[in-house]
Amino acid sequence: MTDKEQTTYTIGDLFVPLRYSTDPTADTFFEWEGSVFAFIPGQAPKKVFHCVGMNVAKAELDKTSNQLKMTSRELTYYLAPDGDGSTKLEKWDNPWTEEKNLPVVHIANDPVQMALPARIPLTVRSNPYGTTSAIITEVPLFYPNPLASDQGTYDDYDANKMYQAAECFTFRCDTKDLTTTTGAIDKVDINWTRVSPPAPFMKMGHYKGAHLVYHCTGYKLPQGSGFDALKSPVLRHEIEHAVPSYARAPAAYDPAVRGVSSWSYFKQHFDRYLQDPDAPWPIPEEHR
């Protein structure tokens, strides 16, 4: 990235210093915060949650396969839409079904990992009137729904046969860092927008066309930071007392390990969700 004439970037040459660290053994933290809106056909959009989240990751460019191999752990907590951001929700009252005290299953994905061809181009848009550039990644998702079953076991939570969503990220940094930085880029902001079906715990599987929009902003923590540098008291408390493995990324990308999503996590722990409505989420590691 030292060629100042370079105008085209790929995942292989830019994403490592931007999103991760140039040291493949180092952990990199991102933290975000934002709003979750519910859209029900024929009704006004409604803010249903505030949220805070983090990701701790590492990545390495595999020169043999010419792939960028990434692994991470990720948390997102649902909070009251009008609260002070200091307490996670334990129960939620559904304003559409009028069902009360639904257990809130927070997002705890371990691992989240990918292996992508290093030659994939990145969209970079520089502000001609300022000093920053935006790097855009858009990930449309469409695959068999983990909660789909012939028996309809999970239809109350998500009755769709296919999981359809989108994860859209905008990373923003100083334009000069794209061409002059030889190590990791430390000062990076992020905008994250996710469009997905209602989270399974919301129990809205029969609301056809309903979807959530997550709209969050955040930033990369300086290299060498630990979880104690996270600003959210919820995240710090949960990692310290409930899910300490999220203080670090997995050791390395492992193709033998299946990634975890909100939907697969809900299915995996469905019996706990049904049988113990007062159980804490995510599952404290001492209870696993």
Protein backbone atom coordinates (compact mmCIF):
# COMPACT_ATOMS: atom_id res chain seq x y z
CA MET A 1 0.00 0.00 0.00
CA THR A 2 2.95 2.32 -0.45
CA ASP A 3 2.22 3.08 -4.11
CA LYS A 4 0.67 6.52 -3.97
CA GLU A 5 -0.75 6.10 -7.46
CA GLN A 6 -2.83 3.09 -6.44
CA THR A 7 -6.57 3.71 -6.85
CA THR A 8 -7.91 0.14 -6.90
CA TYR A 9 -7.91 -1.88 -3.70
CA THR A 10 -8.68 -5.49 -2.92
CA ILE A 11 -9.52 -7.40 0.21
CA GLY A 12 -6.00 -8.80 0.17
CA ASP A 13 -4.15 -5.49 0.23
CA LEU A 14 -6.47 -3.18 2.20
CA PHE A 15 -8.82 -5.15 4.41
CA VAL A 16 -6.12 -6.56 6.68
CA PRO A 17 -4.73 -3.20 7.91
CA LEU A 18 -8.17 -1.53 7.82
CA ARG A 19 -10.34 -4.14 9.52
CA TYR A 20 -7.75 -6.21 11.34
CA SER A 21 -4.05 -6.06 12.25
CA THR A 22 -1.02 -6.72 10.09
CA ASP A 23 0.07 -9.07 12.88
CA PRO A 24 -1.95 -12.27 12.27
CA THR A 25 -1.67 -13.23 15.94
CA ALA A 26 -3.05 -9.92 17.26
CA ASP A 27 -6.64 -9.35 18.35
CA THR A 28 -8.52 -6.38 16.91
CA PHE A 29 -11.64 -4.98 18.59
CA PHE A 30 -14.50 -3.06 17.02
CA GLU A 31 -17.33 -1.60 19.09
CA TRP A 32 -20.70 -0.26 17.91
CA GLU A 33 -23.97 1.17 19.19
CA GLY A 34 -27.27 2.00 17.57
CA SER A 35 -30.97 1.42 17.05
CA VAL A 36 -33.12 -1.50 15.94
CA PHE A 37 -36.33 -0.66 14.08
CA ALA A 38 -39.17 -3.06 13.31
CA PHE A 39 -41.06 -2.75 10.04
CA ILE A 40 -44.45 -4.46 9.87
CA PRO A 41 -46.35 -4.25 6.54
CA GLY A 42 -49.04 -1.59 6.72
CA GLN A 43 -47.78 -0.11 10.00
CA ALA A 44 -45.48 2.73 10.97
CA PRO A 45 -41.88 1.71 11.73
CA LYS A 46 -41.17 1.33 15.44
CA LYS A 47 -37.89 1.51 17.35
CA VAL A 48 -37.91 -1.66 19.42
CA PHE A 49 -34.39 -1.77 20.84
CA HIS A 50 -31.21 0.13 21.46
CA CYS A 51 -28.18 -2.10 21.02
CA VAL A 52 -24.48 -2.28 21.81
CA GLY A 53 -22.00 -4.72 20.35
CA MET A 54 -18.42 -5.74 19.79
CA ASN A 55 -16.30 -8.00 17.65
CA VAL A 56 -12.82 -9.31 18.42
CA ALA A 57 -11.04 -10.73 15.40
CA LYS A 58 -7.83 -11.71 13.71
CA ALA A 59 -6.98 -12.44 10.09
CA GLU A 60 -4.18 -13.79 7.96
CA LEU A 61 -3.49 -13.70 4.23
CA ASP A 62 -2.86 -17.29 3.13
CA LYS A 63 -0.47 -16.94 0.22
CA THR A 64 -0.84 -20.59 -0.76
CA SER A 65 -4.57 -20.35 -1.41
CA ASN A 66 -4.53 -16.58 -1.96
CA GLN A 67 -7.34 -16.23 0.55
CA LEU A 68 -7.90 -13.90 3.46
CA LYS A 69 -8.83 -16.14 6.38
CA MET A 70 -10.70 -14.36 9.16
CA THR A 71 -12.02 -15.52 12.51
CA SER A 72 -13.81 -13.66 15.30
CA ARG A 73 -16.22 -13.70 18.21
CA GLU A 74 -19.12 -11.27 18.28
CA LEU A 75 -21.63 -9.95 20.81
CA THR A 76 -24.65 -7.70 20.41
CA TYR A 77 -26.94 -6.89 23.33
CA TYR A 78 -30.50 -5.62 23.11
CA LEU A 79 -31.30 -2.73 25.45
CA ALA A 80 -34.43 -0.71 26.16
CA PRO A 81 -35.11 1.67 23.24
CA ASP A 82 -35.27 4.69 25.53
CA GLY A 83 -32.91 3.64 28.35
CA ASP A 84 -29.50 4.93 29.38
CA GLY A 85 -27.59 2.05 27.79
CA SER A 86 -26.34 0.60 31.06
CA THR A 87 -28.51 -2.51 31.39
CA LYS A 88 -29.29 -5.35 29.01
CA LEU A 89 -32.88 -6.44 28.53
CA GLU A 90 -33.85 -9.72 30.16
CA LYS A 91 -37.50 -9.82 29.05
CA TRP A 92 -39.45 -8.15 26.25
CA ASP A 93 -43.16 -7.46 25.77
CA ASN A 94 -44.22 -7.90 22.15
CA PRO A 95 -46.46 -4.93 21.22
CA TRP A 96 -47.95 -6.74 18.21
CA THR A 97 -48.78 -10.17 19.64
CA GLU A 98 -49.23 -8.75 23.17
CA GLU A 99 -47.23 -11.66 24.54
CA LYS A 100 -45.46 -10.64 27.75
CA ASN A 101 -42.07 -11.46 29.25
CA LEU A 102 -40.45 -13.10 26.26
CA PRO A 103 -36.85 -14.03 27.14
CA VAL A 104 -34.38 -11.86 25.22
CA VAL A 105 -31.73 -13.97 23.51
CA HIS A 106 -28.78 -11.68 22.88
CA ILE A 107 -26.38 -12.26 20.00
CA ALA A 108 -23.33 -14.34 20.93
CA ASN A 109 -21.72 -15.75 17.81
CA ASP A 110 -18.62 -17.89 18.31
CA PRO A 111 -17.04 -18.23 15.87
CA VAL A 112 -17.78 -15.91 12.98
CA GLN A 113 -15.30 -16.77 10.27
CA MET A 114 -14.75 -16.52 6.53
CA ALA A 115 -12.19 -17.37 3.89
CA LEU A 116 -12.44 -14.96 0.96
CA PRO A 117 -10.42 -14.67 -2.26
CA ALA A 118 -7.84 -11.94 -1.73
CA ARG A 119 -8.46 -10.51 -5.20
CA ILE A 120 -12.05 -9.38 -4.45
CA PRO A 121 -12.14 -5.64 -5.17
CA LEU A 122 -13.18 -3.15 -2.51
CA THR A 123 -15.28 -0.09 -3.20
CA VAL A 124 -13.41 3.00 -1.99
CA ARG A 125 -15.02 6.45 -2.16
CA SER A 126 -12.92 9.44 -1.20
CA ASN A 127 -14.38 12.77 -0.15
CA PRO A 128 -13.03 15.29 -2.70
CA TYR A 129 -13.76 18.16 -0.29
CA GLY A 130 -12.39 16.53 2.85
CA THR A 131 -9.70 14.22 4.11
CA THR A 132 -11.53 10.91 4.55
CA SER A 133 -12.37 7.87 2.46
CA ALA A 134 -15.16 5.34 2.83
CA ILE A 135 -14.59 1.65 2.16
CA ILE A 136 -17.83 -0.20 1.48
CA THR A 137 -18.67 -3.88 1.82
CA GLU A 138 -22.19 -5.15 1.12
CA VAL A 139 -23.12 -8.74 1.92
CA PRO A 140 -26.53 -9.97 0.72
CA LEU A 141 -27.50 -13.25 2.39
CA PHE A 142 -29.90 -15.91 1.12
CA TYR A 143 -29.64 -19.49 2.32
CA PRO A 144 -31.80 -22.22 3.92
CA ASN A 145 -33.22 -21.04 7.23
CA PRO A 146 -31.68 -23.00 10.14
CA LEU A 147 -35.11 -22.87 11.82
CA ALA A 148 -37.01 -24.37 8.89
CA SER A 149 -38.33 -27.88 9.55
CA ASP A 150 -40.92 -30.22 8.07
CA GLN A 151 -42.53 -30.48 11.49
CA GLY A 152 -42.87 -26.70 11.86
CA THR A 153 -41.14 -26.83 15.25
CA TYR A 154 -39.86 -23.28 15.03
CA ASP A 155 -42.55 -21.67 12.89
CA ASP A 156 -43.73 -19.41 15.72
CA TYR A 157 -40.22 -17.91 15.76
CA ASP A 158 -39.42 -17.84 12.03
CA ALA A 159 -41.60 -19.65 9.51
CA ASN A 160 -39.53 -18.72 6.45
CA LYS A 161 -37.92 -21.53 4.46
CA MET A 162 -35.01 -19.30 3.48
CA TYR A 163 -33.01 -16.82 5.52
CA GLN A 164 -32.90 -13.52 3.64
CA ALA A 165 -30.90 -10.58 4.98
CA ALA A 166 -28.16 -8.08 4.23
CA GLU A 167 -25.13 -6.87 6.17
CA CYS A 168 -23.77 -3.54 4.92
CA PHE A 169 -20.61 -1.94 6.30
CA THR A 170 -18.95 1.40 5.67
CA PHE A 171 -15.46 1.80 7.10
CA ARG A 172 -14.09 5.35 7.17
CA CYS A 173 -10.49 6.47 7.65
CA ASP A 174 -8.10 9.24 6.64
CA THR A 175 -7.46 9.05 2.92
CA LYS A 176 -3.72 9.43 3.47
CA ASP A 177 -3.71 6.25 5.54
CA LEU A 178 -4.66 4.28 2.44
CA THR A 179 -1.33 5.07 0.81
CA THR A 180 1.13 5.99 3.54
CA THR A 181 0.42 3.58 6.39
CA THR A 182 2.60 0.47 6.34
CA GLY A 183 1.06 -1.17 9.42
CA ALA A 184 -2.46 -1.39 10.76
CA ILE A 185 -4.75 1.61 10.34
CA ASP A 186 -5.78 2.55 13.87
CA LYS A 187 -8.29 5.36 13.34
CA VAL A 188 -11.26 3.70 11.67
CA ASP A 189 -14.95 4.47 12.07
CA ILE A 190 -17.66 2.04 11.07
CA ASN A 191 -21.30 2.27 10.03
CA TRP A 192 -23.22 -1.00 10.12
CA THR A 193 -26.69 -1.55 8.69
CA ARG A 194 -28.38 -4.92 8.87
CA VAL A 195 -31.73 -5.90 7.38
CA SER A 196 -33.08 -9.22 8.63
CA PRO A 197 -36.22 -11.01 9.76
CA PRO A 198 -37.28 -10.35 13.36
CA ALA A 199 -34.95 -12.03 15.85
CA PRO A 200 -36.33 -15.49 16.73
CA PHE A 201 -36.87 -14.62 20.40
CA MET A 202 -39.37 -11.95 19.30
CA LYS A 203 -41.73 -14.78 18.30
CA MET A 204 -43.01 -13.13 15.12
CA GLY A 205 -42.69 -16.04 12.74
CA HIS A 206 -46.18 -15.59 11.33
CA TYR A 207 -45.82 -11.89 10.49
CA LYS A 208 -45.15 -12.16 6.77
CA GLY A 209 -42.92 -9.41 5.42
CA ALA A 210 -41.85 -8.19 8.87
CA HIS A 211 -38.21 -7.23 9.16
CA LEU A 212 -35.71 -5.42 11.37
CA VAL A 213 -33.24 -2.71 10.44
CA TYR A 214 -30.16 -2.33 12.65
CA HIS A 215 -28.51 1.09 12.24
CA CYS A 216 -25.26 1.39 14.17
CA THR A 217 -22.07 3.42 14.31
CA GLY A 218 -18.80 2.49 15.91
CA TYR A 219 -15.04 2.43 15.73
CA LYS A 220 -11.90 0.34 15.79
CA LEU A 221 -10.09 0.22 19.12
CA PRO A 222 -6.36 1.04 19.05
CA GLN A 223 -4.03 -1.87 18.42
CA GLY A 224 -3.15 -3.68 21.62
CA SER A 225 -6.47 -2.84 23.31
CA GLY A 226 -8.25 -5.38 25.46
CA PHE A 227 -11.94 -5.73 26.26
CA ASP A 228 -11.49 -3.37 29.20
CA ALA A 229 -11.10 -0.54 26.66
CA LEU A 230 -14.66 -1.03 25.42
CA LYS A 231 -16.84 1.96 26.33
CA SER A 232 -20.09 0.09 26.96
CA PRO A 233 -20.47 -0.98 30.60
CA VAL A 234 -22.78 -3.77 29.43
CA LEU A 235 -20.12 -5.26 27.17
CA ARG A 236 -17.35 -4.96 29.75
CA HIS A 237 -19.48 -6.51 32.50
CA GLU A 238 -20.71 -9.38 30.35
CA ILE A 239 -17.25 -10.32 29.10
CA GLU A 240 -15.78 -10.13 32.59
CA HIS A 241 -18.53 -12.05 34.36
CA ALA A 242 -20.47 -14.16 31.84
CA VAL A 243 -18.61 -14.81 28.58
CA PRO A 244 -14.88 -14.35 29.23
CA SER A 245 -13.89 -16.17 26.03
CA TYR A 246 -15.00 -13.05 24.15
CA ALA A 247 -12.00 -11.22 25.56
CA ARG A 248 -10.01 -12.67 22.66
CA ALA A 249 -10.49 -13.98 19.16
CA PRO A 250 -10.25 -17.69 18.32
CA ALA A 251 -6.69 -18.91 17.82
CA ALA A 252 -7.04 -19.17 14.05
CA TYR A 253 -9.46 -19.73 11.21
CA ASP A 254 -10.58 -23.37 11.34
CA PRO A 255 -12.44 -24.77 8.30
CA ALA A 256 -13.58 -27.75 10.38
CA VAL A 257 -15.62 -25.51 12.70
CA ARG A 258 -19.05 -24.28 11.65
CA GLY A 259 -19.80 -20.62 12.15
CA VAL A 260 -22.54 -19.52 14.53
CA SER A 261 -25.38 -17.11 13.75
CA SER A 262 -28.27 -15.76 15.81
CA TRP A 263 -30.54 -18.32 14.16
CA SER A 264 -28.29 -21.37 14.66
CA TYR A 265 -27.62 -20.30 18.28
CA PHE A 266 -31.36 -20.08 18.96
CA LYS A 267 -31.95 -23.52 17.47
CA GLN A 268 -29.05 -25.05 19.38
CA HIS A 269 -30.40 -23.77 22.70
CA PHE A 270 -34.12 -23.96 21.95
CA ASP A 271 -34.84 -26.40 24.78
CA ARG A 272 -33.26 -24.03 27.28
CA TYR A 273 -35.34 -21.17 25.87
CA LEU A 274 -38.56 -23.15 26.34
CA GLN A 275 -37.84 -24.89 29.63
CA ASP A 276 -36.19 -22.11 31.60
CA PRO A 277 -37.79 -18.72 30.83
CA ASP A 278 -35.68 -17.03 33.51
CA ALA A 279 -32.35 -18.33 32.22
CA PRO A 280 -29.74 -15.65 31.46
CA TRP A 281 -28.68 -14.96 27.87
CA PRO A 282 -26.19 -15.41 26.41
CA ILE A 283 -25.49 -18.60 28.31
CA PRO A 284 -22.85 -17.92 30.98
CA GLU A 285 -19.81 -20.02 30.20
CA GLU A 286 -19.81 -21.57 33.67
CA HIS A 287 -23.21 -23.13 32.81
CA ARG A 288 -22.19 -24.70 29.51
